[in-house]
Amino acid sequence: MEHISMHMLFFLLGAGFIASFIDSVVGGGGLISTPALLITGLPSSVVLGTNKLASTMSSLTSTLSFMRSGKITFRLVLKLFPLSLIGSALGAYTVKQIPPEFLKPLVIILLVIVTIYTLTKKDWGKQSTYKGLTTKVAYLTALAALTLGFYDGFFGPGTGSFLLFAFLMIGFDFVSAAGNAKVLNFGSNIAGLATFMALGCVNYTYGILMGLAMVLGALVGSRVAIQKGSTYVRPLFIFVTALLIGKQLWDIFFK
């Protein structure tokens, strides 16, 4: 294992915990974990792969937490999980052929729509109205799982928010939507991680150390969400989507 200073160790552990605490519920943890890994001096491609390793550990932990609390609809997500995994693998392959930067303006528009919609629907997601899917909605949901899996492998920012929004749209409350979204996010993370590992773009020392902190953050974050419900998850969701919009705008105008 390579040498790492105590200062850098505690920095990565702290950043990992905070990133995962947020990401375990509404996504967006990469806003914290990716810049933290960039500070280590790793090449950008290795930063992305290392972050994917830590994020996979975090998303697995969140999935298990929501699973134990009964907030996951297995009959639905087990059908969608392979689509998320396949989509992410295709996205990760495509990113080697086509630069993903052209997606940034579209992502900003979609995130703005998601945020405004959530702000205007005051009681949205407080109680679950999900009773099953019609044939049409089932096809649209499957397409969303495949598309968002592809997006996560190809570009990534906002995947957790888009997944949560998709489950809200079909009638889940905020906490159940977060739990189901985490399962699909775990699937897309696995495919993305496998790709980065095959390319040799993972620093296992930093990734595992940050991942351990993210496991703890995911445990705490998901439990807080389950206990506090939509009164906690809804404002956090709005806050993170607003941050994601700001980050994408910054990348366009100031980079």
Protein backbone atom coordinates (compact mmCIF):
# COMPACT_ATOMS: atom_id res chain seq x y z
CA MET A 1 0.00 0.00 0.00
CA GLU A 2 1.39 3.43 -0.95
CA HIS A 3 2.32 6.01 1.68
CA ILE A 4 -0.35 8.54 2.62
CA SER A 5 0.13 11.38 5.10
CA MET A 6 -2.10 11.63 8.18
CA HIS A 7 -3.30 15.02 6.99
CA MET A 8 -4.43 13.60 3.65
CA LEU A 9 -5.91 10.54 5.35
CA PHE A 10 -8.17 12.57 7.63
CA PHE A 11 -9.07 14.90 4.77
CA LEU A 12 -10.23 12.01 2.58
CA LEU A 13 -12.09 10.36 5.45
CA GLY A 14 -13.92 13.58 6.29
CA ALA A 15 -14.76 14.40 2.68
CA GLY A 16 -15.89 10.84 2.06
CA PHE A 17 -18.21 10.82 5.08
CA ILE A 18 -19.88 14.13 4.17
CA ALA A 19 -20.20 13.20 0.49
CA SER A 20 -21.77 9.85 1.29
CA PHE A 21 -24.10 11.27 3.95
CA ILE A 22 -25.70 13.40 1.22
CA ASP A 23 -25.33 10.91 -1.62
CA SER A 24 -26.96 8.08 0.34
CA VAL A 25 -30.30 9.87 0.09
CA VAL A 26 -30.48 12.17 -2.96
CA GLY A 27 -27.20 11.70 -4.82
CA GLY A 28 -24.76 14.51 -5.58
CA GLY A 29 -21.95 13.25 -3.35
CA GLY A 30 -19.54 13.53 -6.26
CA LEU A 31 -19.69 17.31 -5.80
CA ILE A 32 -17.58 16.74 -2.68
CA SER A 33 -15.69 13.49 -3.24
CA THR A 34 -14.37 14.24 -6.75
CA PRO A 35 -12.74 17.61 -5.89
CA ALA A 36 -11.34 16.01 -2.72
CA LEU A 37 -9.63 13.29 -4.77
CA LEU A 38 -8.33 15.85 -7.26
CA ILE A 39 -6.45 17.51 -4.38
CA THR A 40 -4.42 14.30 -3.95
CA GLY A 41 -2.78 14.98 -7.32
CA LEU A 42 -4.10 11.87 -9.03
CA PRO A 43 -4.71 12.09 -12.82
CA SER A 44 -8.31 13.04 -13.63
CA SER A 45 -9.11 9.65 -15.17
CA VAL A 46 -7.84 7.89 -12.03
CA VAL A 47 -9.81 10.31 -9.85
CA LEU A 48 -13.02 9.29 -11.64
CA GLY A 49 -12.26 5.59 -11.29
CA THR A 50 -11.21 5.91 -7.64
CA ASN A 51 -14.34 7.90 -6.88
CA LYS A 52 -16.41 5.20 -8.57
CA LEU A 53 -14.87 2.55 -6.27
CA ALA A 54 -15.72 4.56 -3.15
CA SER A 55 -19.18 5.41 -4.50
CA THR A 56 -19.92 1.75 -5.20
CA MET A 57 -19.11 0.89 -1.58
CA SER A 58 -21.38 3.75 -0.47
CA SER A 59 -24.31 2.87 -2.75
CA LEU A 60 -24.18 -0.78 -1.65
CA THR A 61 -24.36 0.31 2.00
CA SER A 62 -27.28 2.66 1.33
CA THR A 63 -29.09 -0.07 -0.59
CA LEU A 64 -28.73 -2.48 2.33
CA SER A 65 -29.93 0.17 4.82
CA PHE A 66 -33.05 0.97 2.81
CA MET A 67 -33.58 -2.74 2.24
CA ARG A 68 -33.59 -3.48 5.99
CA SER A 69 -36.09 -0.68 6.57
CA GLY A 70 -38.51 -2.11 3.99
CA LYS A 71 -38.24 0.98 1.74
CA ILE A 72 -37.37 -0.92 -1.45
CA THR A 73 -39.95 -2.36 -3.85
CA PHE A 74 -38.07 -5.50 -4.92
CA ARG A 75 -40.62 -6.65 -7.48
CA LEU A 76 -39.98 -3.45 -9.43
CA VAL A 77 -36.28 -2.70 -8.91
CA LEU A 78 -35.09 -6.26 -9.59
CA LYS A 79 -36.53 -5.92 -13.10
CA LEU A 80 -34.95 -2.50 -13.58
CA PHE A 81 -31.54 -3.32 -12.07
CA PRO A 82 -30.15 -5.17 -15.13
CA LEU A 83 -31.24 -2.30 -17.38
CA SER A 84 -29.36 0.19 -15.21
CA LEU A 85 -26.25 -2.00 -15.26
CA ILE A 86 -26.36 -2.57 -19.04
CA GLY A 87 -27.03 1.12 -19.71
CA SER A 88 -24.05 2.18 -17.59
CA ALA A 89 -21.73 -0.29 -19.34
CA LEU A 90 -22.83 1.08 -22.73
CA GLY A 91 -22.36 4.64 -21.50
CA ALA A 92 -18.87 3.94 -20.17
CA TYR A 93 -17.93 2.37 -23.51
CA THR A 94 -19.40 5.28 -25.49
CA VAL A 95 -17.51 7.91 -23.47
CA LYS A 96 -14.29 6.57 -25.01
CA GLN A 97 -15.69 7.36 -28.47
CA ILE A 98 -17.55 10.65 -27.90
CA PRO A 99 -16.70 13.50 -25.46
CA PRO A 100 -19.64 13.98 -23.06
CA GLU A 101 -19.24 17.75 -22.63
CA PHE A 102 -22.07 18.55 -25.06
CA LEU A 103 -24.55 17.19 -22.49
CA LYS A 104 -23.90 19.95 -19.92
CA PRO A 105 -26.47 22.50 -21.23
CA LEU A 106 -29.16 19.80 -21.49
CA VAL A 107 -28.41 18.54 -17.96
CA ILE A 108 -28.76 22.09 -16.58
CA ILE A 109 -32.16 22.50 -18.26
CA LEU A 110 -33.38 19.14 -16.92
CA LEU A 111 -32.14 19.87 -13.39
CA VAL A 112 -33.89 23.25 -13.43
CA ILE A 113 -37.15 21.57 -14.52
CA VAL A 114 -36.79 18.94 -11.77
CA THR A 115 -36.14 21.61 -9.12
CA ILE A 116 -39.00 23.90 -10.18
CA TYR A 117 -41.43 20.98 -10.41
CA THR A 118 -40.49 19.80 -6.91
CA LEU A 119 -40.78 23.33 -5.46
CA THR A 120 -44.23 23.93 -6.95
CA LYS A 121 -45.67 20.54 -5.89
CA LYS A 122 -45.75 21.23 -2.15
CA ASP A 123 -47.24 17.91 -0.98
CA TRP A 124 -45.53 15.80 -3.65
CA GLY A 125 -43.79 12.73 -2.27
CA LYS A 126 -45.16 12.98 1.27
CA GLN A 127 -47.17 9.79 0.90
CA SER A 128 -46.78 6.91 -1.51
CA THR A 129 -49.55 6.46 -4.08
CA TYR A 130 -47.75 3.68 -5.97
CA LYS A 131 -50.10 0.76 -6.70
CA GLY A 132 -48.26 -0.85 -9.59
CA LEU A 133 -47.53 0.12 -13.19
CA THR A 134 -49.71 0.22 -16.26
CA THR A 135 -48.15 -1.29 -19.40
CA LYS A 136 -47.32 2.14 -20.82
CA VAL A 137 -45.75 3.42 -17.58
CA ALA A 138 -43.82 0.15 -17.19
CA TYR A 139 -42.18 0.65 -20.60
CA LEU A 140 -41.41 4.28 -19.80
CA THR A 141 -39.92 3.29 -16.44
CA ALA A 142 -37.75 0.63 -18.08
CA LEU A 143 -36.59 3.18 -20.65
CA ALA A 144 -35.77 5.63 -17.84
CA ALA A 145 -33.69 3.00 -16.01
CA LEU A 146 -31.74 2.16 -19.16
CA THR A 147 -31.29 5.82 -20.16
CA LEU A 148 -30.19 7.00 -16.71
CA GLY A 149 -27.84 4.02 -16.43
CA PHE A 150 -26.32 5.05 -19.75
CA TYR A 151 -26.11 8.66 -18.57
CA ASP A 152 -24.32 7.64 -15.37
CA GLY A 153 -21.72 5.69 -17.31
CA PHE A 154 -21.35 8.38 -19.98
CA PHE A 155 -21.44 11.62 -17.96
CA GLY A 156 -22.86 11.18 -14.44
CA PRO A 157 -23.66 14.45 -12.61
CA GLY A 158 -27.20 14.41 -11.21
CA THR A 159 -27.88 10.70 -11.78
CA GLY A 160 -29.11 10.18 -8.21
CA SER A 161 -31.43 13.19 -8.45
CA PHE A 162 -32.86 12.08 -11.81
CA LEU A 163 -33.44 8.53 -10.51
CA LEU A 164 -35.19 9.81 -7.38
CA PHE A 165 -37.35 12.10 -9.52
CA ALA A 166 -38.29 9.19 -11.79
CA PHE A 167 -39.55 7.14 -8.83
CA LEU A 168 -41.46 10.14 -7.48
CA MET A 169 -43.16 10.46 -10.86
CA ILE A 170 -44.62 6.96 -10.61
CA GLY A 171 -46.05 7.57 -7.15
CA PHE A 172 -43.44 6.76 -4.50
CA ASP A 173 -42.89 8.96 -1.45
CA PHE A 174 -39.50 10.65 -1.07
CA VAL A 175 -37.94 8.03 1.21
CA SER A 176 -39.09 5.02 -0.84
CA ALA A 177 -38.06 6.82 -4.04
CA ALA A 178 -34.60 7.38 -2.52
CA GLY A 179 -34.32 3.69 -1.56
CA ASN A 180 -35.35 2.40 -4.99
CA ALA A 181 -33.12 4.95 -6.73
CA LYS A 182 -30.13 3.77 -4.68
CA VAL A 183 -30.55 0.19 -5.95
CA LEU A 184 -30.38 1.34 -9.58
CA ASN A 185 -27.51 3.71 -8.78
CA PHE A 186 -25.62 0.75 -7.30
CA GLY A 187 -26.14 -1.15 -10.55
CA SER A 188 -24.79 1.68 -12.70
CA ASN A 189 -21.86 2.11 -10.28
CA ILE A 190 -20.87 -1.55 -10.65
CA ALA A 191 -20.68 -1.30 -14.43
CA GLY A 192 -18.78 1.98 -14.30
CA LEU A 193 -16.31 0.61 -11.74
CA ALA A 194 -15.67 -2.52 -13.81
CA THR A 195 -14.84 -0.33 -16.81
CA PHE A 196 -12.42 1.87 -14.87
CA MET A 197 -10.77 -1.22 -13.35
CA ALA A 198 -10.29 -2.74 -16.79
CA LEU A 199 -8.66 0.50 -17.93
CA GLY A 200 -6.35 0.55 -14.89
CA CYS A 201 -7.84 3.86 -13.71
CA VAL A 202 -8.42 3.06 -10.02
CA ASN A 203 -6.17 3.95 -7.08
CA TYR A 204 -7.16 1.28 -4.58
CA THR A 205 -5.41 2.89 -1.58
CA TYR A 206 -7.33 6.15 -1.83
CA GLY A 207 -10.49 4.46 -3.07
CA ILE A 208 -10.78 1.95 -0.24
CA LEU A 209 -9.86 4.49 2.45
CA MET A 210 -12.44 6.99 1.20
CA GLY A 211 -14.88 4.13 0.60
CA LEU A 212 -14.71 3.06 4.26
CA ALA A 213 -15.63 6.59 5.35
CA MET A 214 -18.40 6.61 2.75
CA VAL A 215 -19.79 3.36 4.12
CA LEU A 216 -20.16 5.05 7.52
CA GLY A 217 -21.63 8.18 5.93
CA ALA A 218 -24.13 6.07 3.98
CA LEU A 219 -25.23 4.24 7.13
CA VAL A 220 -25.81 7.47 9.04
CA GLY A 221 -27.34 9.37 6.10
CA SER A 222 -29.82 6.66 5.11
CA ARG A 223 -30.91 6.12 8.73
CA VAL A 224 -31.53 9.84 9.22
CA ALA A 225 -33.59 9.90 6.01
CA ILE A 226 -35.65 6.87 7.06
CA GLN A 227 -36.33 8.32 10.52
CA LYS A 228 -37.12 11.90 9.44
CA GLY A 229 -38.98 11.09 6.22
CA SER A 230 -39.95 13.51 3.45
CA THR A 231 -39.61 16.60 5.68
CA TYR A 232 -35.85 15.97 5.56
CA VAL A 233 -35.42 14.37 2.12
CA ARG A 234 -37.42 16.93 0.11
CA PRO A 235 -35.42 20.05 1.10
CA LEU A 236 -32.15 18.11 0.79
CA PHE A 237 -33.17 17.01 -2.70
CA ILE A 238 -33.93 20.62 -3.72
CA PHE A 239 -30.66 21.85 -2.18
CA VAL A 240 -28.52 19.26 -3.98
CA THR A 241 -30.19 19.79 -7.36
CA ALA A 242 -29.58 23.54 -6.97
CA LEU A 243 -25.90 22.84 -6.21
CA LEU A 244 -25.68 20.60 -9.27
CA ILE A 245 -27.13 23.37 -11.45
CA GLY A 246 -24.57 25.81 -10.06
CA LYS A 247 -21.71 23.38 -10.63
CA GLN A 248 -22.67 22.76 -14.26
CA LEU A 249 -23.06 26.49 -14.94
CA TRP A 250 -19.65 27.13 -13.38
CA ASP A 251 -18.06 24.47 -15.59
CA ILE A 252 -19.56 26.05 -18.71
CA PHE A 253 -18.75 29.71 -18.03
CA PHE A 254 -15.62 29.67 -15.87
CA LYS A 255 -13.58 26.66 -17.03
